[in-house]
Amino acid sequence: MMKVQDTNLTGTSAAGAPPPGTITRPAGLPGLPSGQLGQGDRVEFSGFTGKLGAALAAQSADGAARVAALERDYQAGRYHPSAHDTSRALVTETLGVNAGHQEA
């Protein structure tokens, strides 16, 4: 169940409000009478949203697996990162991010 709280809505009393789940149309708008839906009304989402969700989940799983492998290596004493390589990667990434902001 999703609760929507909009402080811009103006007053109907609780006694005059339609039951939860009722869809209403303000008086004076063209279309079907208030509270009635047409047979063809529907919402459709593209397959892109599903593909995007799957890609993000896979990326998250890959990242978690990489972190777990690094943790095992570190605890076993096999992980010795290069300070030079780490600092270079941080500076490169920071400059790349900042360069993107400067173009705007």
N, C-alpha and C. Protein backbone atom coordinates (compact mmCIF):
# COMPACT_ATOMS: atom_id res chain seq x y z
N MET A 1 0.85 -1.17 0.00
CA MET A 1 0.00 0.00 0.00
C MET A 1 0.89 1.23 0.00
N MET A 2 0.59 2.19 -0.84
CA MET A 2 1.38 3.40 -0.91
C MET A 2 0.55 4.56 -0.40
N LYS A 3 1.13 5.36 0.49
CA LYS A 3 0.46 6.52 1.03
C LYS A 3 1.03 7.75 0.35
N VAL A 4 0.15 8.60 -0.15
CA VAL A 4 0.57 9.82 -0.80
C VAL A 4 0.16 10.98 0.08
N GLN A 5 1.13 11.83 0.40
CA GLN A 5 0.83 13.00 1.21
C GLN A 5 1.23 14.22 0.41
N ASP A 6 0.24 15.01 0.02
CA ASP A 6 0.49 16.20 -0.78
C ASP A 6 -0.09 17.40 -0.04
N THR A 7 0.77 18.30 0.42
CA THR A 7 0.31 19.46 1.17
C THR A 7 -0.35 20.50 0.27
N ASN A 8 -0.28 20.31 -1.05
CA ASN A 8 -0.90 21.25 -1.98
C ASN A 8 -2.35 20.92 -2.26
N LEU A 9 -2.83 19.80 -1.77
CA LEU A 9 -4.22 19.43 -2.00
C LEU A 9 -5.11 20.31 -1.15
N THR A 10 -6.28 20.62 -1.67
CA THR A 10 -7.20 21.45 -0.90
C THR A 10 -8.42 20.66 -0.52
N GLY A 11 -9.08 21.16 0.44
CA GLY A 11 -10.01 20.54 1.29
C GLY A 11 -11.22 19.75 0.90
N THR A 12 -11.19 18.49 1.12
CA THR A 12 -12.40 17.70 1.24
C THR A 12 -12.36 17.12 2.64
N SER A 13 -13.50 17.08 3.27
CA SER A 13 -13.53 16.53 4.62
C SER A 13 -13.48 15.02 4.55
N ALA A 14 -13.10 14.40 5.63
CA ALA A 14 -13.02 12.94 5.66
C ALA A 14 -14.39 12.33 5.38
N ALA A 15 -15.44 13.00 5.83
CA ALA A 15 -16.79 12.46 5.62
C ALA A 15 -17.18 12.52 4.14
N GLY A 16 -16.67 13.54 3.41
CA GLY A 16 -17.04 13.70 2.01
C GLY A 16 -16.07 13.05 1.05
N ALA A 17 -15.01 12.45 1.58
CA ALA A 17 -13.99 11.85 0.71
C ALA A 17 -14.47 10.51 0.17
N PRO A 18 -14.07 10.19 -1.05
CA PRO A 18 -14.45 8.88 -1.60
C PRO A 18 -13.70 7.76 -0.88
N PRO A 19 -14.20 6.55 -0.94
CA PRO A 19 -13.51 5.43 -0.30
C PRO A 19 -12.12 5.23 -0.89
N PRO A 20 -11.18 4.68 -0.12
CA PRO A 20 -9.84 4.44 -0.64
C PRO A 20 -9.88 3.60 -1.91
N GLY A 21 -9.03 3.94 -2.87
CA GLY A 21 -8.97 3.18 -4.12
C GLY A 21 -9.88 3.73 -5.20
N THR A 22 -10.76 4.68 -4.87
CA THR A 22 -11.66 5.25 -5.85
C THR A 22 -10.91 6.30 -6.66
N ILE A 23 -11.06 6.27 -7.96
CA ILE A 23 -10.43 7.25 -8.83
C ILE A 23 -11.49 8.25 -9.22
N THR A 24 -11.20 9.51 -8.96
CA THR A 24 -12.19 10.55 -9.27
C THR A 24 -11.59 11.55 -10.24
N ARG A 25 -12.48 12.23 -10.95
CA ARG A 25 -12.08 13.29 -11.88
C ARG A 25 -12.78 14.55 -11.41
N PRO A 26 -12.01 15.66 -11.24
CA PRO A 26 -12.64 16.90 -10.80
C PRO A 26 -13.76 17.31 -11.75
N ALA A 27 -14.80 17.91 -11.19
CA ALA A 27 -15.94 18.36 -11.99
C ALA A 27 -15.48 19.38 -13.02
N GLY A 28 -16.06 19.35 -14.17
CA GLY A 28 -15.76 20.32 -15.21
C GLY A 28 -14.70 19.89 -16.19
N LEU A 29 -14.01 18.77 -15.92
CA LEU A 29 -13.01 18.29 -16.87
C LEU A 29 -13.69 17.42 -17.92
N PRO A 30 -13.26 17.51 -19.17
CA PRO A 30 -13.87 16.68 -20.20
C PRO A 30 -13.57 15.21 -19.97
N GLY A 31 -14.38 14.35 -20.51
CA GLY A 31 -14.13 12.92 -20.40
C GLY A 31 -15.30 12.24 -19.71
N LEU A 32 -15.00 11.14 -19.09
CA LEU A 32 -16.04 10.36 -18.42
C LEU A 32 -16.50 11.06 -17.15
N PRO A 33 -17.72 10.77 -16.70
CA PRO A 33 -18.19 11.37 -15.44
C PRO A 33 -17.27 10.97 -14.28
N SER A 34 -17.28 11.79 -13.25
CA SER A 34 -16.42 11.58 -12.09
C SER A 34 -16.58 10.18 -11.53
N GLY A 35 -15.43 9.52 -11.24
CA GLY A 35 -15.45 8.21 -10.61
C GLY A 35 -15.58 7.04 -11.57
N GLN A 36 -15.76 7.28 -12.86
CA GLN A 36 -15.92 6.18 -13.81
C GLN A 36 -14.70 6.08 -14.71
N LEU A 37 -14.28 4.87 -14.96
CA LEU A 37 -13.14 4.63 -15.84
C LEU A 37 -13.62 3.95 -17.12
N GLY A 38 -12.95 4.25 -18.20
CA GLY A 38 -13.28 3.60 -19.45
C GLY A 38 -12.71 2.19 -19.49
N GLN A 39 -13.22 1.36 -20.35
CA GLN A 39 -12.77 -0.01 -20.47
C GLN A 39 -11.31 -0.10 -20.95
N GLY A 40 -10.85 0.89 -21.73
CA GLY A 40 -9.52 0.82 -22.31
C GLY A 40 -8.43 1.46 -21.46
N ASP A 41 -8.74 1.97 -20.27
CA ASP A 41 -7.72 2.62 -19.45
C ASP A 41 -6.71 1.60 -18.96
N ARG A 42 -5.41 1.95 -19.09
CA ARG A 42 -4.36 1.05 -18.63
C ARG A 42 -3.06 1.83 -18.50
N VAL A 43 -2.14 1.24 -17.80
CA VAL A 43 -0.79 1.78 -17.66
C VAL A 43 0.16 0.74 -18.22
N GLU A 44 1.13 1.20 -19.00
CA GLU A 44 2.06 0.27 -19.63
C GLU A 44 3.48 0.77 -19.42
N PHE A 45 4.35 -0.13 -18.95
CA PHE A 45 5.76 0.21 -18.78
C PHE A 45 6.55 -0.56 -19.83
N SER A 46 7.57 0.07 -20.34
CA SER A 46 8.36 -0.58 -21.38
C SER A 46 9.22 -1.68 -20.78
N GLY A 47 9.69 -2.57 -21.61
CA GLY A 47 10.57 -3.63 -21.15
C GLY A 47 11.92 -3.10 -20.70
N PHE A 48 12.21 -1.84 -21.03
CA PHE A 48 13.47 -1.24 -20.64
C PHE A 48 13.63 -1.20 -19.13
N THR A 49 12.56 -0.92 -18.40
CA THR A 49 12.68 -0.83 -16.94
C THR A 49 13.08 -2.17 -16.35
N GLY A 50 12.56 -3.25 -16.88
CA GLY A 50 12.94 -4.58 -16.41
C GLY A 50 14.39 -4.90 -16.73
N LYS A 51 14.82 -4.54 -17.95
CA LYS A 51 16.21 -4.77 -18.34
C LYS A 51 17.17 -3.94 -17.49
N LEU A 52 16.79 -2.71 -17.21
CA LEU A 52 17.62 -1.84 -16.39
C LEU A 52 17.75 -2.40 -14.98
N GLY A 53 16.65 -2.87 -14.41
CA GLY A 53 16.68 -3.46 -13.08
C GLY A 53 17.57 -4.69 -13.03
N ALA A 54 17.48 -5.53 -14.05
CA ALA A 54 18.30 -6.74 -14.10
C ALA A 54 19.79 -6.39 -14.23
N ALA A 55 20.10 -5.37 -15.04
CA ALA A 55 21.50 -4.95 -15.20
C ALA A 55 22.06 -4.40 -13.90
N LEU A 56 21.26 -3.59 -13.21
CA LEU A 56 21.72 -3.03 -11.93
C LEU A 56 21.90 -4.11 -10.89
N ALA A 57 21.02 -5.09 -10.86
CA ALA A 57 21.14 -6.19 -9.91
C ALA A 57 22.40 -7.01 -10.20
N ALA A 58 22.68 -7.26 -11.47
CA ALA A 58 23.87 -8.02 -11.84
C ALA A 58 25.13 -7.25 -11.47
N GLN A 59 25.13 -5.94 -11.71
CA GLN A 59 26.28 -5.11 -11.36
C GLN A 59 26.49 -5.12 -9.85
N SER A 60 25.42 -5.04 -9.10
CA SER A 60 25.51 -5.06 -7.65
C SER A 60 26.05 -6.40 -7.16
N ALA A 61 25.59 -7.50 -7.76
CA ALA A 61 26.06 -8.83 -7.37
C ALA A 61 27.54 -8.99 -7.71
N ASP A 62 27.96 -8.49 -8.87
CA ASP A 62 29.37 -8.56 -9.26
C ASP A 62 30.24 -7.76 -8.29
N GLY A 63 29.77 -6.58 -7.93
CA GLY A 63 30.51 -5.74 -6.98
C GLY A 63 30.63 -6.39 -5.62
N ALA A 64 29.54 -7.00 -5.16
CA ALA A 64 29.56 -7.68 -3.86
C ALA A 64 30.52 -8.86 -3.88
N ALA A 65 30.53 -9.60 -4.98
CA ALA A 65 31.45 -10.74 -5.10
C ALA A 65 32.90 -10.26 -5.09
N ARG A 66 33.18 -9.15 -5.77
CA ARG A 66 34.54 -8.60 -5.81
C ARG A 66 34.98 -8.14 -4.41
N VAL A 67 34.09 -7.48 -3.68
CA VAL A 67 34.42 -7.03 -2.33
C VAL A 67 34.67 -8.23 -1.41
N ALA A 68 33.86 -9.26 -1.55
CA ALA A 68 34.04 -10.47 -0.72
C ALA A 68 35.39 -11.12 -1.02
N ALA A 69 35.78 -11.18 -2.30
CA ALA A 69 37.07 -11.76 -2.67
C ALA A 69 38.22 -10.93 -2.11
N LEU A 70 38.11 -9.60 -2.18
CA LEU A 70 39.14 -8.74 -1.62
C LEU A 70 39.25 -8.91 -0.11
N GLU A 71 38.10 -9.05 0.53
CA GLU A 71 38.11 -9.26 1.99
C GLU A 71 38.84 -10.56 2.35
N ARG A 72 38.55 -11.62 1.61
CA ARG A 72 39.23 -12.90 1.87
C ARG A 72 40.74 -12.78 1.67
N ASP A 73 41.13 -12.11 0.57
CA ASP A 73 42.55 -11.93 0.30
C ASP A 73 43.23 -11.09 1.38
N TYR A 74 42.56 -10.03 1.82
CA TYR A 74 43.13 -9.15 2.85
C TYR A 74 43.33 -9.91 4.15
N GLN A 75 42.29 -10.64 4.55
CA GLN A 75 42.38 -11.38 5.82
C GLN A 75 43.41 -12.50 5.75
N ALA A 76 43.67 -13.03 4.57
CA ALA A 76 44.67 -14.08 4.41
C ALA A 76 46.07 -13.50 4.20
N GLY A 77 46.17 -12.17 4.15
CA GLY A 77 47.47 -11.53 3.97
C GLY A 77 47.95 -11.52 2.53
N ARG A 78 47.05 -11.76 1.58
CA ARG A 78 47.43 -11.80 0.17
C ARG A 78 47.11 -10.49 -0.57
N TYR A 79 46.53 -9.54 0.09
CA TYR A 79 46.13 -8.30 -0.58
C TYR A 79 47.08 -7.18 -0.19
N HIS A 80 47.83 -6.68 -1.16
CA HIS A 80 48.79 -5.61 -0.93
C HIS A 80 48.61 -4.57 -2.03
N PRO A 81 47.66 -3.66 -1.84
CA PRO A 81 47.40 -2.67 -2.89
C PRO A 81 48.58 -1.72 -3.06
N SER A 82 48.76 -1.24 -4.26
CA SER A 82 49.81 -0.28 -4.57
C SER A 82 49.29 1.12 -4.26
N ALA A 83 49.97 1.83 -3.37
CA ALA A 83 49.57 3.20 -3.03
C ALA A 83 49.64 4.09 -4.27
N HIS A 84 50.66 3.87 -5.10
CA HIS A 84 50.82 4.66 -6.31
C HIS A 84 49.63 4.45 -7.26
N ASP A 85 49.28 3.21 -7.52
CA ASP A 85 48.16 2.91 -8.42
C ASP A 85 46.83 3.42 -7.86
N THR A 86 46.65 3.25 -6.55
CA THR A 86 45.41 3.70 -5.91
C THR A 86 45.27 5.21 -6.01
N SER A 87 46.34 5.95 -5.70
CA SER A 87 46.27 7.41 -5.76
C SER A 87 46.07 7.89 -7.19
N ARG A 88 46.72 7.25 -8.15
CA ARG A 88 46.55 7.62 -9.55
C ARG A 88 45.10 7.42 -9.99
N ALA A 89 44.51 6.30 -9.61
CA ALA A 89 43.11 6.01 -9.98
C ALA A 89 42.17 7.02 -9.34
N LEU A 90 42.41 7.39 -8.08
CA LEU A 90 41.55 8.37 -7.41
C LEU A 90 41.64 9.74 -8.08
N VAL A 91 42.85 10.18 -8.39
CA VAL A 91 43.02 11.47 -9.05
C VAL A 91 42.40 11.46 -10.44
N THR A 92 42.63 10.40 -11.20
CA THR A 92 42.06 10.29 -12.55
C THR A 92 40.54 10.34 -12.51
N GLU A 93 39.96 9.58 -11.60
CA GLU A 93 38.50 9.56 -11.49
C GLU A 93 37.96 10.92 -11.07
N THR A 94 38.63 11.57 -10.10
CA THR A 94 38.18 12.87 -9.64
C THR A 94 38.26 13.91 -10.76
N LEU A 95 39.36 13.92 -11.49
CA LEU A 95 39.49 14.86 -12.60
C LEU A 95 38.46 14.59 -13.69
N GLY A 96 38.17 13.33 -13.94
CA GLY A 96 37.16 12.97 -14.93
C GLY A 96 35.78 13.44 -14.52
N VAL A 97 35.44 13.28 -13.24
CA VAL A 97 34.14 13.73 -12.73
C VAL A 97 34.06 15.23 -12.77
N ASN A 98 35.11 15.92 -12.33
CA ASN A 98 35.11 17.39 -12.33
C ASN A 98 35.08 17.95 -13.74
N ALA A 99 35.77 17.30 -14.67
CA ALA A 99 35.76 17.77 -16.06
C ALA A 99 34.34 17.73 -16.61
N GLY A 100 33.58 16.69 -16.24
CA GLY A 100 32.19 16.59 -16.70
C GLY A 100 31.34 17.72 -16.16
N HIS A 101 31.62 18.17 -14.93
CA HIS A 101 30.84 19.26 -14.33
C HIS A 101 31.23 20.60 -14.93
N GLN A 102 32.47 20.77 -15.37
CA GLN A 102 32.92 22.03 -15.92
C GLN A 102 32.33 22.29 -17.30
N GLU A 103 31.99 21.23 -18.03
CA GLU A 103 31.45 21.40 -19.38
C GLU A 103 30.03 21.93 -19.37
N ALA A 104 29.32 21.71 -18.27
CA ALA A 104 27.91 22.10 -18.23
C ALA A 104 27.72 23.59 -18.20
